[in-house]
Amino acid sequence: MIGGMKVALIVALVSSISTGELIDKLKSIIFGVVLVSLIIHYIILINYIKKIFHLFLFSWKKRFSKNYLILI
């Protein structure tokens, strides 16, 4: 969450600069940083979702397996 706010702040600050020699370089650098940040967040989120789904699926199979129902 903090990373997203930092990126949004950087983008807003660079967008507010209207004149200067380095504005084009700054915009391209910020675009690269934002793109890399989005890709890293996507990879981390997908791995987290897979882990949570796997744990949920494993517990569901264990809960409703025949051996478990016989023990109850």
PDB file of N, CA and C in Angstrom:
ATOM      1  N   MET A   1       0.821  -1.185   0.000  1.00  0.00           N
ATOM      2  CA  MET A   1       0.000   0.000   0.000  1.00  0.00           C
ATOM      3  C   MET A   1       0.868   1.252   0.000  1.00  0.00           C
ATOM      4  N   ILE A   2       1.907   1.267   0.781  1.00  0.00           N
ATOM      5  CA  ILE A   2       2.791   2.433   0.838  1.00  0.00           C
ATOM      6  C   ILE A   2       3.505   2.606  -0.500  1.00  0.00           C
ATOM      7  N   GLY A   3       3.901   1.500  -1.129  1.00  0.00           N
ATOM      8  CA  GLY A   3       4.577   1.583  -2.423  1.00  0.00           C
ATOM      9  C   GLY A   3       3.697   2.233  -3.475  1.00  0.00           C
ATOM     10  N   GLY A   4       2.417   1.909  -3.475  1.00  0.00           N
ATOM     11  CA  GLY A   4       1.487   2.498  -4.422  1.00  0.00           C
ATOM     12  C   GLY A   4       1.330   3.997  -4.210  1.00  0.00           C
ATOM     13  N   MET A   5       1.330   4.422  -2.947  1.00  0.00           N
ATOM     14  CA  MET A   5       1.213   5.856  -2.661  1.00  0.00           C
ATOM     15  C   MET A   5       2.474   6.595  -3.073  1.00  0.00           C
ATOM     16  N   LYS A   6       3.640   5.962  -2.886  1.00  0.00           N
ATOM     17  CA  LYS A   6       4.879   6.603  -3.303  1.00  0.00           C
ATOM     18  C   LYS A   6       4.914   6.797  -4.805  1.00  0.00           C
ATOM     19  N   VAL A   7       4.494   5.782  -5.542  1.00  0.00           N
ATOM     20  CA  VAL A   7       4.481   5.874  -7.007  1.00  0.00           C
ATOM     21  C   VAL A   7       3.498   6.935  -7.458  1.00  0.00           C
ATOM     22  N   ALA A   8       2.333   6.988  -6.836  1.00  0.00           N
ATOM     23  CA  ALA A   8       1.342   8.000  -7.213  1.00  0.00           C
ATOM     24  C   ALA A   8       1.860   9.406  -6.931  1.00  0.00           C
ATOM     25  N   LEU A   9       2.568   9.571  -5.825  1.00  0.00           N
ATOM     26  CA  LEU A   9       3.134  10.877  -5.495  1.00  0.00           C
ATOM     27  C   LEU A   9       4.206  11.283  -6.503  1.00  0.00           C
ATOM     28  N   ILE A  10       5.062  10.353  -6.888  1.00  0.00           N
ATOM     29  CA  ILE A  10       6.101  10.638  -7.871  1.00  0.00           C
ATOM     30  C   ILE A  10       5.492  11.018  -9.208  1.00  0.00           C
ATOM     31  N   VAL A  11       4.486  10.279  -9.641  1.00  0.00           N
ATOM     32  CA  VAL A  11       3.829  10.578 -10.912  1.00  0.00           C
ATOM     33  C   VAL A  11       3.173  11.955 -10.870  1.00  0.00           C
ATOM     34  N   ALA A  12       2.544  12.286  -9.758  1.00  0.00           N
ATOM     35  CA  ALA A  12       1.905  13.600  -9.636  1.00  0.00           C
ATOM     36  C   ALA A  12       2.938  14.719  -9.650  1.00  0.00           C
ATOM     37  N   LEU A  13       4.052  14.529  -8.971  1.00  0.00           N
ATOM     38  CA  LEU A  13       5.090  15.556  -8.948  1.00  0.00           C
ATOM     39  C   LEU A  13       5.712  15.770 -10.323  1.00  0.00           C
ATOM     40  N   VAL A  14       5.995  14.687 -11.025  1.00  0.00           N
ATOM     41  CA  VAL A  14       6.588  14.822 -12.363  1.00  0.00           C
ATOM     42  C   VAL A  14       5.581  15.409 -13.333  1.00  0.00           C
ATOM     43  N   SER A  15       4.321  15.072 -13.189  1.00  0.00           N
ATOM     44  CA  SER A  15       3.295  15.628 -14.085  1.00  0.00           C
ATOM     45  C   SER A  15       3.103  17.124 -13.862  1.00  0.00           C
ATOM     46  N   SER A  16       3.371  17.590 -12.666  1.00  0.00           N
ATOM     47  CA  SER A  16       3.182  19.011 -12.382  1.00  0.00           C
ATOM     48  C   SER A  16       4.305  19.874 -12.943  1.00  0.00           C
ATOM     49  N   ILE A  17       5.454  19.274 -13.247  1.00  0.00           N
ATOM     50  CA  ILE A  17       6.563  20.028 -13.832  1.00  0.00           C
ATOM     51  C   ILE A  17       6.251  20.272 -15.300  1.00  0.00           C
ATOM     52  N   SER A  18       6.199  21.523 -15.684  1.00  0.00           N
ATOM     53  CA  SER A  18       5.825  21.828 -17.070  1.00  0.00           C
ATOM     54  C   SER A  18       7.016  22.242 -17.917  1.00  0.00           C
ATOM     55  N   THR A  19       8.043  22.794 -17.325  1.00  0.00           N
ATOM     56  CA  THR A  19       9.187  23.234 -18.112  1.00  0.00           C
ATOM     57  C   THR A  19      10.466  22.682 -17.521  1.00  0.00           C
ATOM     58  N   GLY A  20      11.461  22.610 -18.335  1.00  0.00           N
ATOM     59  CA  GLY A  20      12.759  22.143 -17.870  1.00  0.00           C
ATOM     60  C   GLY A  20      13.422  21.287 -18.923  1.00  0.00           C
ATOM     61  N   GLU A  21      14.715  21.150 -18.779  1.00  0.00           N
ATOM     62  CA  GLU A  21      15.481  20.376 -19.756  1.00  0.00           C
ATOM     63  C   GLU A  21      15.312  18.875 -19.568  1.00  0.00           C
ATOM     64  N   LEU A  22      15.121  18.453 -18.356  1.00  0.00           N
ATOM     65  CA  LEU A  22      15.113  17.016 -18.056  1.00  0.00           C
ATOM     66  C   LEU A  22      13.712  16.420 -17.958  1.00  0.00           C
ATOM     67  N   ILE A  23      12.682  17.174 -18.344  1.00  0.00           N
ATOM     68  CA  ILE A  23      11.316  16.684 -18.137  1.00  0.00           C
ATOM     69  C   ILE A  23      11.033  15.407 -18.922  1.00  0.00           C
ATOM     70  N   ASP A  24      11.530  15.322 -20.159  1.00  0.00           N
ATOM     71  CA  ASP A  24      11.302  14.109 -20.960  1.00  0.00           C
ATOM     72  C   ASP A  24      12.030  12.907 -20.358  1.00  0.00           C
ATOM     73  N   LYS A  25      13.249  13.116 -19.896  1.00  0.00           N
ATOM     74  CA  LYS A  25      13.993  12.020 -19.269  1.00  0.00           C
ATOM     75  C   LYS A  25      13.319  11.585 -17.966  1.00  0.00           C
ATOM     76  N   LEU A  26      12.872  12.560 -17.182  1.00  0.00           N
ATOM     77  CA  LEU A  26      12.186  12.223 -15.933  1.00  0.00           C
ATOM     78  C   LEU A  26      10.914  11.441 -16.180  1.00  0.00           C
ATOM     79  N   LYS A  27      10.148  11.856 -17.182  1.00  0.00           N
ATOM     80  CA  LYS A  27       8.903  11.146 -17.477  1.00  0.00           C
ATOM     81  C   LYS A  27       9.172   9.716 -17.928  1.00  0.00           C
ATOM     82  N   SER A  28      10.192   9.509 -18.736  1.00  0.00           N
ATOM     83  CA  SER A  28      10.479   8.144 -19.176  1.00  0.00           C
ATOM     84  C   SER A  28      11.025   7.293 -18.033  1.00  0.00           C
ATOM     85  N   ILE A  29      11.816   7.877 -17.147  1.00  0.00           N
ATOM     86  CA  ILE A  29      12.310   7.130 -15.982  1.00  0.00           C
ATOM     87  C   ILE A  29      11.158   6.747 -15.064  1.00  0.00           C
ATOM     88  N   ILE A  30      10.270   7.695 -14.810  1.00  0.00           N
ATOM     89  CA  ILE A  30       9.122   7.419 -13.938  1.00  0.00           C
ATOM     90  C   ILE A  30       8.209   6.372 -14.565  1.00  0.00           C
ATOM     91  N   PHE A  31       8.026   6.438 -15.886  1.00  0.00           N
ATOM     92  CA  PHE A  31       7.217   5.423 -16.557  1.00  0.00           C
ATOM     93  C   PHE A  31       7.823   4.037 -16.359  1.00  0.00           C
ATOM     94  N   GLY A  32       9.137   3.933 -16.476  1.00  0.00           N
ATOM     95  CA  GLY A  32       9.811   2.651 -16.252  1.00  0.00           C
ATOM     96  C   GLY A  32       9.664   2.163 -14.825  1.00  0.00           C
ATOM     97  N   VAL A  33       9.797   3.063 -13.868  1.00  0.00           N
ATOM     98  CA  VAL A  33       9.661   2.690 -12.453  1.00  0.00           C
ATOM     99  C   VAL A  33       8.248   2.213 -12.158  1.00  0.00           C
ATOM    100  N   VAL A  34       7.258   2.917 -12.682  1.00  0.00           N
ATOM    101  CA  VAL A  34       5.862   2.521 -12.465  1.00  0.00           C
ATOM    102  C   VAL A  34       5.587   1.169 -13.112  1.00  0.00           C
ATOM    103  N   LEU A  35       6.095   0.944 -14.309  1.00  0.00           N
ATOM    104  CA  LEU A  35       5.885  -0.327 -14.999  1.00  0.00           C
ATOM    105  C   LEU A  35       6.517  -1.482 -14.222  1.00  0.00           C
ATOM    106  N   VAL A  36       7.743  -1.304 -13.779  1.00  0.00           N
ATOM    107  CA  VAL A  36       8.414  -2.352 -12.998  1.00  0.00           C
ATOM    108  C   VAL A  36       7.671  -2.598 -11.686  1.00  0.00           C
ATOM    109  N   SER A  37       7.211  -1.539 -11.052  1.00  0.00           N
ATOM    110  CA  SER A  37       6.462  -1.679  -9.801  1.00  0.00           C
ATOM    111  C   SER A  37       5.176  -2.476 -10.017  1.00  0.00           C
ATOM    112  N   LEU A  38       4.467  -2.175 -11.093  1.00  0.00           N
ATOM    113  CA  LEU A  38       3.233  -2.926 -11.379  1.00  0.00           C
ATOM    114  C   LEU A  38       3.516  -4.393 -11.665  1.00  0.00           C
ATOM    115  N   ILE A  39       4.566  -4.680 -12.396  1.00  0.00           N
ATOM    116  CA  ILE A  39       4.908  -6.073 -12.709  1.00  0.00           C
ATOM    117  C   ILE A  39       5.280  -6.829 -11.441  1.00  0.00           C
ATOM    118  N   ILE A  40       6.075  -6.217 -10.576  1.00  0.00           N
ATOM    119  CA  ILE A  40       6.474  -6.883  -9.326  1.00  0.00           C
ATOM    120  C   ILE A  40       5.267  -7.120  -8.428  1.00  0.00           C
ATOM    121  N   HIS A  41       4.389  -6.123  -8.303  1.00  0.00           N
ATOM    122  CA  HIS A  41       3.183  -6.302  -7.486  1.00  0.00           C
ATOM    123  C   HIS A  41       2.291  -7.403  -8.061  1.00  0.00           C
ATOM    124  N   TYR A  42       2.195  -7.497  -9.387  1.00  0.00           N
ATOM    125  CA  TYR A  42       1.388  -8.538 -10.029  1.00  0.00           C
ATOM    126  C   TYR A  42       1.944  -9.920  -9.698  1.00  0.00           C
ATOM    127  N   ILE A  43       3.250 -10.082  -9.808  1.00  0.00           N
ATOM    128  CA  ILE A  43       3.864 -11.387  -9.536  1.00  0.00           C
ATOM    129  C   ILE A  43       3.652 -11.788  -8.072  1.00  0.00           C
ATOM    130  N   ILE A  44       3.863 -10.853  -7.166  1.00  0.00           N
ATOM    131  CA  ILE A  44       3.685 -11.151  -5.740  1.00  0.00           C
ATOM    132  C   ILE A  44       2.230 -11.489  -5.433  1.00  0.00           C
ATOM    133  N   LEU A  45       1.299 -10.746  -6.010  1.00  0.00           N
ATOM    134  CA  LEU A  45      -0.116 -10.983  -5.754  1.00  0.00           C
ATOM    135  C   LEU A  45      -0.568 -12.330  -6.310  1.00  0.00           C
ATOM    136  N   ILE A  46      -0.120 -12.693  -7.505  1.00  0.00           N
ATOM    137  CA  ILE A  46      -0.491 -13.989  -8.084  1.00  0.00           C
ATOM    138  C   ILE A  46       0.027 -15.132  -7.217  1.00  0.00           C
ATOM    139  N   ASN A  47       1.275 -15.032  -6.758  1.00  0.00           N
ATOM    140  CA  ASN A  47       1.817 -16.083  -5.892  1.00  0.00           C
ATOM    141  C   ASN A  47       1.051 -16.183  -4.582  1.00  0.00           C
ATOM    142  N   TYR A  48       0.668 -15.052  -4.016  1.00  0.00           N
ATOM    143  CA  TYR A  48      -0.102 -15.044  -2.773  1.00  0.00           C
ATOM    144  C   TYR A  48      -1.476 -15.684  -2.981  1.00  0.00           C
ATOM    145  N   ILE A  49      -2.136 -15.349  -4.072  1.00  0.00           N
ATOM    146  CA  ILE A  49      -3.462 -15.917  -4.353  1.00  0.00           C
ATOM    147  C   ILE A  49      -3.362 -17.424  -4.561  1.00  0.00           C
ATOM    148  N   LYS A  50      -2.334 -17.883  -5.272  1.00  0.00           N
ATOM    149  CA  LYS A  50      -2.153 -19.324  -5.475  1.00  0.00           C
ATOM    150  C   LYS A  50      -1.931 -20.032  -4.144  1.00  0.00           C
ATOM    151  N   LYS A  51      -1.133 -19.424  -3.267  1.00  0.00           N
ATOM    152  CA  LYS A  51      -0.858 -20.038  -1.967  1.00  0.00           C
ATOM    153  C   LYS A  51      -2.120 -20.130  -1.124  1.00  0.00           C
ATOM    154  N   ILE A  52      -2.888 -19.067  -1.068  1.00  0.00           N
ATOM    155  CA  ILE A  52      -4.121 -19.058  -0.284  1.00  0.00           C
ATOM    156  C   ILE A  52      -5.133 -20.044  -0.873  1.00  0.00           C
ATOM    157  N   PHE A  53      -5.263 -20.063  -2.203  1.00  0.00           N
ATOM    158  CA  PHE A  53      -6.208 -20.981  -2.835  1.00  0.00           C
ATOM    159  C   PHE A  53      -5.800 -22.415  -2.580  1.00  0.00           C
ATOM    160  N   HIS A  54      -4.501 -22.709  -2.639  1.00  0.00           N
ATOM    161  CA  HIS A  54      -4.027 -24.071  -2.388  1.00  0.00           C
ATOM    162  C   HIS A  54      -4.336 -24.493  -0.956  1.00  0.00           C
ATOM    163  N   LEU A  55      -4.102 -23.608   0.000  1.00  0.00           N
ATOM    164  CA  LEU A  55      -4.405 -23.941   1.398  1.00  0.00           C
ATOM    165  C   LEU A  55      -5.894 -24.161   1.604  1.00  0.00           C
ATOM    166  N   PHE A  56      -6.717 -23.324   0.971  1.00  0.00           N
ATOM    167  CA  PHE A  56      -8.169 -23.476   1.084  1.00  0.00           C
ATOM    168  C   PHE A  56      -8.629 -24.783   0.459  1.00  0.00           C
ATOM    169  N   LEU A  57      -8.102 -25.102  -0.715  1.00  0.00           N
ATOM    170  CA  LEU A  57      -8.490 -26.325  -1.408  1.00  0.00           C
ATOM    171  C   LEU A  57      -8.057 -27.553  -0.618  1.00  0.00           C
ATOM    172  N   PHE A  58      -6.846 -27.526  -0.053  1.00  0.00           N
ATOM    173  CA  PHE A  58      -6.353 -28.655   0.725  1.00  0.00           C
ATOM    174  C   PHE A  58      -7.212 -28.871   1.963  1.00  0.00           C
ATOM    175  N   SER A  59      -7.563 -27.799   2.658  1.00  0.00           N
ATOM    176  CA  SER A  59      -8.379 -27.952   3.864  1.00  0.00           C
ATOM    177  C   SER A  59      -9.788 -28.412   3.515  1.00  0.00           C
ATOM    178  N   TRP A  60     -10.308 -27.979   2.369  1.00  0.00           N
ATOM    179  CA  TRP A  60     -11.638 -28.399   1.938  1.00  0.00           C
ATOM    180  C   TRP A  60     -11.648 -29.879   1.602  1.00  0.00           C
ATOM    181  N   LYS A  61     -10.609 -30.360   0.896  1.00  0.00           N
ATOM    182  CA  LYS A  61     -10.541 -31.786   0.568  1.00  0.00           C
ATOM    183  C   LYS A  61     -10.403 -32.618   1.831  1.00  0.00           C
ATOM    184  N   LYS A  62      -9.612 -32.153   2.766  1.00  0.00           N
ATOM    185  CA  LYS A  62      -9.420 -32.890   4.007  1.00  0.00           C
ATOM    186  C   LYS A  62     -10.716 -32.935   4.809  1.00  0.00           C
ATOM    187  N   ARG A  63     -11.429 -31.852   4.810  1.00  0.00           N
ATOM    188  CA  ARG A  63     -12.657 -31.768   5.591  1.00  0.00           C
ATOM    189  C   ARG A  63     -13.745 -32.690   5.046  1.00  0.00           C
ATOM    190  N   PHE A  64     -13.833 -32.810   3.734  1.00  0.00           N
ATOM    191  CA  PHE A  64     -14.915 -33.572   3.125  1.00  0.00           C
ATOM    192  C   PHE A  64     -14.474 -34.907   2.545  1.00  0.00           C
ATOM    193  N   SER A  65     -13.335 -35.397   2.953  1.00  0.00           N
ATOM    194  CA  SER A  65     -12.921 -36.711   2.472  1.00  0.00           C
ATOM    195  C   SER A  65     -13.698 -37.795   3.213  1.00  0.00           C
ATOM    196  N   LYS A  66     -13.756 -38.974   2.637  1.00  0.00           N
ATOM    197  CA  LYS A  66     -14.537 -40.071   3.242  1.00  0.00           C
ATOM    198  C   LYS A  66     -13.973 -40.468   4.601  1.00  0.00           C
ATOM    199  N   ASN A  67     -12.662 -40.515   4.716  1.00  0.00           N
ATOM    200  CA  ASN A  67     -12.056 -40.921   5.991  1.00  0.00           C
ATOM    201  C   ASN A  67     -12.399 -39.932   7.095  1.00  0.00           C
ATOM    202  N   TYR A  68     -12.421 -38.676   6.763  1.00  0.00           N
ATOM    203  CA  TYR A  68     -12.730 -37.666   7.771  1.00  0.00           C
ATOM    204  C   TYR A  68     -14.183 -37.773   8.202  1.00  0.00           C
ATOM    205  N   LEU A  69     -15.101 -38.016   7.279  1.00  0.00           N
ATOM    206  CA  LEU A  69     -16.510 -38.127   7.623  1.00  0.00           C
ATOM    207  C   LEU A  69     -16.802 -39.373   8.464  1.00  0.00           C
ATOM    208  N   ILE A  70     -16.060 -40.431   8.224  1.00  0.00           N
ATOM    209  CA  ILE A  70     -16.256 -41.658   9.017  1.00  0.00           C
ATOM    210  C   ILE A  70     -15.810 -41.417  10.468  1.00  0.00           C
ATOM    211  N   LEU A  71     -14.747 -40.641  10.645  1.00  0.00           N
ATOM    212  CA  LEU A  71     -14.252 -40.385  11.996  1.00  0.00           C
ATOM    213  C   LEU A  71     -15.229 -39.549  12.806  1.00  0.00           C
ATOM    214  N   ILE A  72     -16.020 -38.750  12.162  1.00  0.00           N
ATOM    215  CA  ILE A  72     -16.982 -37.906  12.882  1.00  0.00           C
ATOM    216  C   ILE A  72     -18.121 -38.771  13.332  1.00  0.00           C
TER     217      ILE A  72
END
